[in-house]
Amino acid sequence: MKKYILALVSLVAINNIYAQEGQTITFPNQSTVITTGVPFMLIAPDARSAGMGDMGVATSVDAYSQQWNAAKYTFSEAKSGIAVSYTPYLSKLVNDISIAYLTYFNRIDDRSAFGVSFKYFGLGEIEIRPDEFSEPLIEKPNEFTVDASYSLRLADQFSMAVALRYLRSDLRIQAVDANASAAGSFGVDISGFYQSEEEAYDSFNGRTRLGFAIQNLGPKIKYDDGGRENFLPTNLRLGGGFDFIFDEYNTLSVTAEVTKLLVPTPPLYGFVDTNGDGEQTDDDATTADIDEGEPTIITGGQDNNVDFLSGVFQSFGDAPGGFSEELKEFTWAIGAEYLYQESFAFRAGYFNESDDKGARKFFAMGAGFKYTTINIDLSYLFSASKIQSPLENTLRFSLTFNFGDGEYDEY
């Protein structure tokens, strides 16, 4: 009872602070969407993962494992591989925004491997004219990451990896702001992968796959000393799958994955209801925006002005709506891949995100073809949300060259 009385007294005292100015504090109650800097880092760059619903932490190894779980490289049957992928972005509106991805891996020996990759997000050309008589100034904003990973087999069926990433975001327009400069930061990935031996069942053989990854763990990013700091899209991925091996020609793999951003949820602030209508309008500032001398009224959640490491731990229990809202911050995906003679693959998947946390929902399908050492993969996305996806009706393309294929026997 004492706690309720103290809470009531505190609310009355807070209200009195603003009542002296003839204003009322209103306390909203709704879910909040988490935003981060450089969100392109979360976009699936390769067609195989995209065709199964943007997943890859527990799928079988391929050249693009650097993006999802570098620990998988120690299970590659090929000695090395190089791959390139291209993804148009907002293709319904423009034709010069895209994501390009280049990666290379190499198995050093039976127990270790390394990988490097480069991911580039080009936002096309922006034409700026100070006036109708001036020559146009052309700006090409872009973002990119450069990665390097090392993976080690700790047991016959389990490996772990660590990856170091440098990221650079050059979105500020110099023609508009002479002091504009690119922002940069570093991130670390820690991942693990388990793949069982092939086991015999009544009518088929089977193999289990499990994976986890903590990605983009690093300092906040900001463009200048006076600018706002943004969290990197640090995230946790957990996944598992099973391979149904019917015979030497036919294999069906089913995989499920959940992901959560390890970034603090923005708190809910009270706002000054100047006209008394109970709704926040453009004239009703949040308490955090009135002036530095006024107190910040957090009506739900926790203050997210913390460092990136504290933010990781805080992210598991700071949603204003409590545990039910924390569950909404998990996205999940399920996908399947049918492989025939290791030469043709058909894929399908579904991705789901809560309506209150971004509302990304889509179906995906794709196909893959292998000829000698070359793999070609394609994928296509169908939005299942009221909010249209920037990748809807987009054909993604990936090309892989494997060298020394079959040099390692994992099965």
Protein backbone atom coordinates (compact mmCIF):
# COMPACT_ATOMS: atom_id res chain seq x y z
CA MET A 1 0.00 0.00 0.00
CA LYS A 2 2.84 2.39 0.82
CA LYS A 3 4.25 1.95 -2.70
CA TYR A 4 0.92 2.92 -4.27
CA ILE A 5 0.64 5.98 -2.02
CA LEU A 6 4.18 7.09 -2.87
CA ALA A 7 3.50 6.61 -6.59
CA LEU A 8 0.32 8.69 -6.34
CA VAL A 9 2.12 11.45 -4.44
CA SER A 10 4.89 11.48 -7.06
CA LEU A 11 2.41 11.84 -9.93
CA VAL A 12 0.62 14.67 -8.14
CA ALA A 13 3.93 16.45 -7.52
CA ILE A 14 4.97 16.09 -11.17
CA ASN A 15 1.61 17.42 -12.32
CA ASN A 16 1.93 20.42 -10.01
CA ILE A 17 5.23 21.41 -11.58
CA TYR A 18 3.45 22.05 -14.88
CA ALA A 19 0.16 23.17 -13.39
CA GLN A 20 1.99 26.26 -12.18
CA GLU A 21 2.44 27.12 -15.84
CA GLY A 22 -1.20 26.39 -16.62
CA GLN A 23 -0.30 23.14 -18.44
CA THR A 24 -1.30 19.49 -18.01
CA ILE A 25 0.94 16.44 -18.34
CA THR A 26 -0.67 13.55 -20.18
CA PHE A 27 0.69 10.03 -20.00
CA PRO A 28 0.35 8.02 -23.24
CA ASN A 29 0.21 4.23 -23.32
CA GLN A 30 1.35 2.56 -26.51
CA SER A 31 4.08 0.31 -27.88
CA THR A 32 7.29 1.89 -29.13
CA VAL A 33 9.28 0.94 -32.23
CA ILE A 34 13.05 0.44 -31.86
CA THR A 35 15.21 2.33 -34.34
CA THR A 36 18.96 2.07 -34.91
CA GLY A 37 21.67 3.55 -37.05
CA VAL A 38 22.83 1.84 -40.28
CA PRO A 39 19.82 -0.55 -40.45
CA PHE A 40 20.95 -1.81 -43.89
CA MET A 41 23.28 -4.15 -41.98
CA LEU A 42 20.24 -6.31 -41.14
CA ILE A 43 19.09 -6.75 -44.74
CA ALA A 44 19.74 -10.19 -46.21
CA PRO A 45 22.29 -9.62 -48.99
CA ASP A 46 22.13 -13.08 -50.62
CA ALA A 47 19.37 -14.79 -52.57
CA ARG A 48 19.57 -18.16 -50.80
CA SER A 49 18.86 -16.75 -47.31
CA ALA A 50 16.29 -14.33 -48.71
CA GLY A 51 14.45 -17.20 -50.39
CA MET A 52 13.92 -18.88 -47.01
CA GLY A 53 12.59 -15.81 -45.19
CA ASP A 54 15.79 -13.91 -44.35
CA MET A 55 17.46 -16.57 -42.24
CA GLY A 56 20.91 -18.10 -42.09
CA VAL A 57 22.21 -18.65 -38.55
CA ALA A 58 21.41 -22.40 -38.59
CA THR A 59 21.14 -23.26 -42.28
CA SER A 60 23.83 -25.38 -43.92
CA VAL A 61 27.10 -23.71 -44.82
CA ASP A 62 27.54 -21.63 -47.97
CA ALA A 63 29.81 -18.80 -49.09
CA TYR A 64 27.48 -16.19 -47.52
CA SER A 65 27.82 -17.57 -43.99
CA GLN A 66 29.88 -14.49 -43.12
CA GLN A 67 26.65 -12.45 -42.98
CA TRP A 68 24.82 -14.88 -40.68
CA ASN A 69 27.16 -17.21 -38.81
CA ALA A 70 30.84 -17.44 -39.75
CA ALA A 71 31.25 -20.54 -37.55
CA LYS A 72 29.65 -22.56 -40.37
CA TYR A 73 32.74 -22.17 -42.58
CA THR A 74 34.56 -25.01 -40.79
CA PHE A 75 31.86 -27.39 -42.10
CA SER A 76 32.37 -26.49 -45.76
CA GLU A 77 33.19 -29.37 -48.10
CA ALA A 78 34.85 -26.89 -50.47
CA LYS A 79 38.35 -25.63 -49.73
CA SER A 80 37.41 -22.03 -50.54
CA GLY A 81 34.83 -19.93 -52.30
CA ILE A 82 34.07 -16.45 -53.56
CA ALA A 83 30.58 -15.03 -54.04
CA VAL A 84 28.87 -11.87 -55.18
CA SER A 85 25.25 -10.81 -54.73
CA TYR A 86 23.09 -7.92 -55.93
CA THR A 87 19.80 -6.71 -54.42
CA PRO A 88 17.76 -3.82 -55.92
CA TYR A 89 16.14 -1.65 -53.25
CA LEU A 90 12.95 0.40 -53.66
CA SER A 91 12.89 -0.83 -57.24
CA LYS A 92 9.28 0.32 -57.70
CA LEU A 93 10.33 3.94 -57.17
CA VAL A 94 13.93 4.27 -58.39
CA ASN A 95 16.46 2.20 -60.27
CA ASP A 96 19.76 3.26 -58.69
CA ILE A 97 19.42 2.16 -55.03
CA SER A 98 20.87 -1.26 -54.30
CA ILE A 99 22.88 -3.49 -51.98
CA ALA A 100 25.97 -5.27 -53.28
CA TYR A 101 27.80 -7.97 -51.35
CA LEU A 102 31.17 -9.62 -51.98
CA THR A 103 32.60 -12.38 -49.78
CA TYR A 104 35.46 -14.88 -49.72
CA PHE A 105 36.23 -17.77 -47.38
CA ASN A 106 39.00 -20.31 -47.05
CA ARG A 107 39.35 -23.43 -44.92
CA ILE A 108 42.84 -23.27 -43.48
CA ASP A 109 42.76 -26.90 -42.34
CA ASP A 110 40.36 -29.48 -40.88
CA ARG A 111 39.58 -27.33 -37.83
CA SER A 112 39.80 -23.67 -38.85
CA ALA A 113 38.73 -21.21 -41.53
CA PHE A 114 38.65 -17.49 -42.23
CA GLY A 115 36.39 -15.20 -44.22
CA VAL A 116 36.30 -11.61 -45.47
CA SER A 117 33.43 -9.63 -46.97
CA PHE A 118 32.38 -6.24 -48.24
CA LYS A 119 28.78 -4.96 -48.16
CA TYR A 120 27.82 -1.74 -49.96
CA PHE A 121 24.53 0.15 -49.80
CA GLY A 122 24.33 2.79 -52.52
CA LEU A 123 21.50 5.31 -52.35
CA GLY A 124 21.89 6.49 -55.93
CA GLU A 125 22.48 10.00 -57.15
CA ILE A 126 20.89 13.07 -55.53
CA GLU A 127 20.77 16.19 -57.65
CA ILE A 128 20.90 19.48 -55.73
CA ARG A 129 20.27 22.88 -57.32
CA PRO A 130 20.78 26.01 -55.17
CA ASP A 131 18.60 27.87 -57.68
CA GLU A 132 17.17 27.40 -61.15
CA PHE A 133 20.19 28.98 -62.84
CA SER A 134 22.95 27.00 -61.12
CA GLU A 135 24.58 23.84 -62.31
CA PRO A 136 23.32 20.81 -60.36
CA LEU A 137 25.49 19.32 -57.65
CA ILE A 138 25.54 15.53 -57.64
CA GLU A 139 25.80 13.70 -54.32
CA LYS A 140 26.05 9.92 -53.92
CA PRO A 141 25.30 8.98 -50.30
CA ASN A 142 26.33 5.47 -49.33
CA GLU A 143 27.08 3.10 -46.48
CA PHE A 144 29.38 0.10 -46.35
CA THR A 145 30.90 -2.52 -44.05
CA VAL A 146 34.15 -4.49 -44.23
CA ASP A 147 34.37 -7.76 -42.25
CA ALA A 148 36.99 -10.34 -41.33
CA SER A 149 36.23 -13.55 -39.41
CA TYR A 150 38.03 -16.53 -37.94
CA SER A 151 36.27 -19.77 -37.05
CA LEU A 152 37.58 -22.74 -35.09
CA ARG A 153 36.26 -26.28 -34.73
CA LEU A 154 36.10 -26.94 -30.97
CA ALA A 155 34.66 -30.43 -31.42
CA ASP A 156 33.78 -32.72 -34.33
CA GLN A 157 30.24 -31.31 -34.47
CA PHE A 158 30.66 -27.82 -32.98
CA SER A 159 32.53 -24.67 -33.96
CA MET A 160 32.66 -21.02 -32.94
CA ALA A 161 33.72 -17.85 -34.72
CA VAL A 162 34.51 -14.22 -34.07
CA ALA A 163 34.25 -11.47 -36.69
CA LEU A 164 35.43 -7.87 -36.63
CA ARG A 165 33.53 -5.31 -38.68
CA TYR A 166 34.25 -1.73 -39.70
CA LEU A 167 31.27 0.30 -40.85
CA ARG A 168 31.03 3.70 -42.47
CA SER A 169 27.93 5.76 -43.15
CA ASP A 170 28.19 8.73 -45.50
CA LEU A 171 24.64 10.08 -45.67
CA ARG A 172 25.19 13.73 -44.80
CA ILE A 173 24.91 16.03 -47.83
CA GLN A 174 27.97 18.27 -48.05
CA ALA A 175 26.26 20.69 -50.40
CA VAL A 176 23.64 21.34 -47.72
CA ASP A 177 25.91 21.21 -44.66
CA ALA A 178 29.51 22.27 -45.22
CA ASN A 179 30.52 20.62 -41.94
CA ALA A 180 29.01 17.28 -42.91
CA SER A 181 31.23 14.26 -42.51
CA ALA A 182 30.92 10.50 -42.65
CA ALA A 183 30.32 8.51 -39.49
CA GLY A 184 32.14 5.33 -38.59
CA SER A 185 32.23 2.66 -35.94
CA PHE A 186 33.30 -0.91 -35.21
CA GLY A 187 31.30 -4.03 -34.46
CA VAL A 188 32.00 -7.58 -33.34
CA ASP A 189 30.15 -10.83 -34.07
CA ILE A 190 30.33 -13.92 -31.85
CA SER A 191 28.71 -17.06 -33.24
CA GLY A 192 28.49 -20.82 -32.86
CA PHE A 193 27.25 -23.70 -35.01
CA TYR A 194 26.43 -27.36 -34.31
CA GLN A 195 25.87 -30.00 -36.97
CA SER A 196 25.27 -33.60 -35.99
CA GLU A 197 26.40 -36.73 -37.73
CA GLU A 198 24.00 -38.26 -40.22
CA GLU A 199 21.68 -40.64 -38.35
CA ALA A 200 19.49 -43.45 -39.74
CA TYR A 201 15.73 -43.46 -39.11
CA ASP A 202 13.03 -45.84 -40.35
CA SER A 203 12.55 -44.41 -43.84
CA PHE A 204 15.20 -41.70 -44.11
CA ASN A 205 18.45 -40.41 -42.68
CA GLY A 206 18.59 -37.15 -40.75
CA ARG A 207 20.93 -34.46 -39.52
CA THR A 208 20.37 -31.74 -36.89
CA ARG A 209 21.66 -28.17 -37.14
CA LEU A 210 21.76 -25.52 -34.39
CA GLY A 211 23.21 -22.01 -34.44
CA PHE A 212 23.48 -18.76 -32.53
CA ALA A 213 25.02 -15.36 -33.24
CA ILE A 214 25.41 -12.04 -31.44
CA GLN A 215 26.02 -9.51 -34.19
CA ASN A 216 27.12 -5.88 -34.53
CA LEU A 217 28.19 -5.48 -30.92
CA GLY A 218 29.95 -2.12 -30.81
CA PRO A 219 29.96 1.60 -29.92
CA LYS A 220 27.20 3.96 -30.98
CA ILE A 221 27.54 5.86 -34.24
CA LYS A 222 27.25 9.64 -34.66
CA TYR A 223 28.05 12.11 -37.40
CA ASP A 224 29.45 15.00 -35.38
CA ASP A 225 30.22 15.99 -31.80
CA GLY A 226 26.90 17.75 -31.39
CA GLY A 227 24.82 15.11 -33.14
CA ARG A 228 22.64 12.40 -31.73
CA GLU A 229 24.25 9.03 -31.03
CA ASN A 230 22.56 6.01 -32.57
CA PHE A 231 22.88 2.41 -31.46
CA LEU A 232 24.24 -0.09 -33.95
CA PRO A 233 21.71 -2.80 -34.91
CA THR A 234 23.11 -5.26 -32.36
CA ASN A 235 21.04 -8.41 -32.49
CA LEU A 236 20.76 -11.95 -31.20
CA ARG A 237 19.93 -14.80 -33.60
CA LEU A 238 18.94 -18.31 -32.51
CA GLY A 239 18.02 -21.07 -34.92
CA GLY A 240 17.63 -24.77 -35.47
CA GLY A 241 16.94 -27.08 -38.36
CA PHE A 242 16.75 -30.66 -39.55
CA ASP A 243 17.77 -32.31 -42.81
CA PHE A 244 15.51 -35.11 -44.09
CA ILE A 245 17.84 -37.15 -46.31
CA PHE A 246 15.54 -39.50 -48.24
CA ASP A 247 18.23 -40.94 -50.52
CA GLU A 248 21.39 -39.87 -52.31
CA TYR A 249 19.36 -37.64 -54.64
CA ASN A 250 16.66 -36.02 -52.47
CA THR A 251 17.08 -33.88 -49.32
CA LEU A 252 14.57 -31.61 -47.58
CA SER A 253 15.87 -29.13 -45.00
CA VAL A 254 13.53 -27.30 -42.59
CA THR A 255 14.85 -24.42 -40.46
CA ALA A 256 13.37 -21.97 -37.94
CA GLU A 257 14.98 -18.83 -36.53
CA VAL A 258 14.18 -16.10 -33.99
CA THR A 259 15.90 -12.72 -33.77
CA LYS A 260 15.87 -9.90 -31.23
CA LEU A 261 17.48 -6.48 -31.37
CA LEU A 262 19.76 -6.01 -28.36
CA VAL A 263 19.00 -2.29 -28.32
CA PRO A 264 17.08 -0.43 -25.57
CA THR A 265 13.42 0.25 -26.27
CA PRO A 266 12.69 4.02 -26.32
CA PRO A 267 10.75 5.02 -23.19
CA LEU A 268 7.37 6.70 -23.23
CA TYR A 269 7.39 10.35 -22.21
CA GLY A 270 4.59 12.45 -20.85
CA PHE A 271 3.64 15.49 -22.95
CA VAL A 272 2.26 18.94 -22.27
CA ASP A 273 -1.39 18.94 -23.29
CA THR A 274 -1.80 22.64 -24.11
CA ASN A 275 -5.38 22.42 -25.39
CA GLY A 276 -6.63 19.73 -23.04
CA ASP A 277 -7.81 17.32 -25.76
CA GLY A 278 -5.85 14.38 -24.36
CA GLU A 279 -3.93 13.84 -27.59
CA GLN A 280 -0.43 14.96 -28.51
CA THR A 281 -0.37 17.39 -31.45
CA ASP A 282 2.47 19.32 -33.07
CA ASP A 283 2.11 22.03 -30.44
CA ASP A 284 2.26 19.60 -27.51
CA ALA A 285 5.94 18.99 -26.76
CA THR A 286 7.14 15.94 -24.91
CA THR A 287 8.58 16.70 -21.50
CA ALA A 288 12.05 15.86 -22.78
CA ASP A 289 11.79 18.64 -25.40
CA ILE A 290 10.49 21.58 -23.35
CA ASP A 291 13.82 22.86 -22.08
CA GLU A 292 16.80 21.59 -20.16
CA GLY A 293 15.50 23.05 -16.92
CA GLU A 294 12.33 20.97 -16.87
CA PRO A 295 12.26 17.38 -15.60
CA THR A 296 11.98 14.49 -18.05
CA ILE A 297 8.84 12.51 -17.32
CA ILE A 298 9.22 8.86 -18.33
CA THR A 299 5.82 7.21 -18.08
CA GLY A 300 6.88 3.77 -19.27
CA GLY A 301 10.10 1.85 -19.80
CA GLN A 302 13.58 3.03 -18.90
CA ASP A 303 15.89 5.83 -19.95
CA ASN A 304 17.72 4.63 -23.08
CA ASN A 305 20.56 7.13 -22.77
CA VAL A 306 23.07 4.40 -21.89
CA ASP A 307 26.23 2.98 -23.45
CA PHE A 308 25.98 0.15 -25.96
CA LEU A 309 27.00 -2.61 -23.54
CA SER A 310 24.50 -1.55 -20.87
CA GLY A 311 21.93 -1.30 -23.64
CA VAL A 312 22.39 -4.98 -24.51
CA PHE A 313 21.40 -6.11 -21.00
CA GLN A 314 18.71 -3.44 -20.63
CA SER A 315 17.06 -4.52 -23.89
CA PHE A 316 15.70 -7.71 -22.29
CA GLY A 317 13.48 -5.92 -19.78
CA ASP A 318 12.84 -2.29 -20.64
CA ALA A 319 9.77 -2.40 -22.90
CA PRO A 320 7.14 0.05 -21.59
CA GLY A 321 4.43 -2.59 -22.01
CA GLY A 322 6.26 -5.15 -19.89
CA PHE A 323 6.87 -8.80 -20.74
CA SER A 324 4.12 -8.97 -23.37
CA GLU A 325 5.77 -6.13 -25.30
CA GLU A 326 9.22 -7.74 -24.92
CA LEU A 327 7.85 -10.81 -26.71
CA LYS A 328 6.71 -8.58 -29.57
CA GLU A 329 10.31 -7.50 -30.11
CA PHE A 330 11.24 -10.98 -31.33
CA THR A 331 10.95 -11.63 -35.05
CA TRP A 332 10.71 -15.18 -36.33
CA ALA A 333 11.11 -16.96 -39.63
CA ILE A 334 10.60 -20.45 -40.93
CA GLY A 335 11.93 -21.80 -44.20
CA ALA A 336 12.51 -24.94 -46.22
CA GLU A 337 14.92 -25.99 -48.95
CA TYR A 338 14.50 -28.99 -51.25
CA LEU A 339 17.72 -30.18 -52.88
CA TYR A 340 17.86 -32.61 -55.81
CA GLN A 341 21.17 -34.28 -56.68
CA GLU A 342 22.92 -31.28 -55.11
CA SER A 343 22.32 -29.56 -58.45
CA PHE A 344 18.88 -27.98 -58.13
CA ALA A 345 17.27 -26.33 -55.09
CA PHE A 346 13.79 -24.95 -54.46
CA ARG A 347 13.23 -22.72 -51.41
CA ALA A 348 10.33 -21.08 -49.58
CA GLY A 349 9.96 -19.19 -46.32
CA TYR A 350 7.96 -16.80 -44.18
CA PHE A 351 9.13 -13.90 -41.99
CA ASN A 352 7.05 -12.29 -39.23
CA GLU A 353 7.41 -9.14 -37.13
CA SER A 354 4.83 -7.74 -34.68
CA ASP A 355 2.48 -5.07 -36.03
CA ASP A 356 3.58 -2.82 -33.14
CA LYS A 357 7.30 -3.18 -33.87
CA GLY A 358 7.58 -2.57 -37.61
CA ALA A 359 4.98 -4.92 -39.15
CA ARG A 360 7.37 -6.62 -41.56
CA LYS A 361 5.62 -9.76 -42.80
CA PHE A 362 6.41 -11.48 -46.04
CA PHE A 363 6.55 -14.75 -47.94
CA ALA A 364 9.62 -15.59 -49.99
CA MET A 365 10.57 -18.16 -52.56
CA GLY A 366 13.71 -18.93 -54.48
CA ALA A 367 15.67 -21.39 -56.55
CA GLY A 368 19.28 -22.44 -56.93
CA PHE A 369 21.27 -24.12 -59.70
CA LYS A 370 24.70 -25.70 -59.52
CA TYR A 371 26.92 -26.44 -62.50
CA THR A 372 30.37 -27.87 -61.70
CA THR A 373 31.84 -25.24 -59.32
CA ILE A 374 29.31 -22.47 -60.00
CA ASN A 375 26.16 -21.79 -57.97
CA ILE A 376 23.42 -19.42 -59.15
CA ASP A 377 20.67 -18.41 -56.72
CA LEU A 378 17.52 -16.32 -57.21
CA SER A 379 14.81 -15.20 -54.79
CA TYR A 380 11.56 -13.21 -54.79
CA LEU A 381 9.58 -11.58 -51.97
CA PHE A 382 5.80 -11.19 -51.49
CA SER A 383 4.68 -8.78 -48.78
CA ALA A 384 1.99 -10.02 -46.39
CA SER A 385 1.71 -6.76 -44.42
CA LYS A 386 -0.35 -3.62 -44.86
CA ILE A 387 2.97 -1.79 -44.86
CA GLN A 388 4.67 -2.35 -48.20
CA SER A 389 8.18 -3.77 -48.10
CA PRO A 390 10.92 -1.85 -49.98
CA LEU A 391 12.01 -5.25 -51.32
CA GLU A 392 8.56 -6.33 -52.52
CA ASN A 393 8.47 -7.76 -56.06
CA THR A 394 12.27 -7.64 -56.15
CA LEU A 395 14.37 -10.33 -57.81
CA ARG A 396 17.65 -10.94 -55.97
CA PHE A 397 20.62 -12.56 -57.66
CA SER A 398 23.67 -14.35 -56.21
CA LEU A 399 26.64 -16.03 -57.87
CA THR A 400 29.12 -18.33 -56.11
CA PHE A 401 32.37 -19.98 -57.25
CA ASN A 402 33.60 -22.86 -55.09
CA PHE A 403 37.18 -24.08 -55.33
CA GLY A 404 38.38 -27.51 -54.21
CA ASP A 405 34.78 -28.73 -53.91
CA GLY A 406 34.70 -32.08 -52.13
CA GLU A 407 38.17 -31.66 -50.64
CA TYR A 408 36.66 -32.04 -47.16
CA ASP A 409 34.23 -34.84 -46.33
CA GLU A 410 31.84 -33.71 -43.60
CA TYR A 411 29.12 -36.35 -43.93
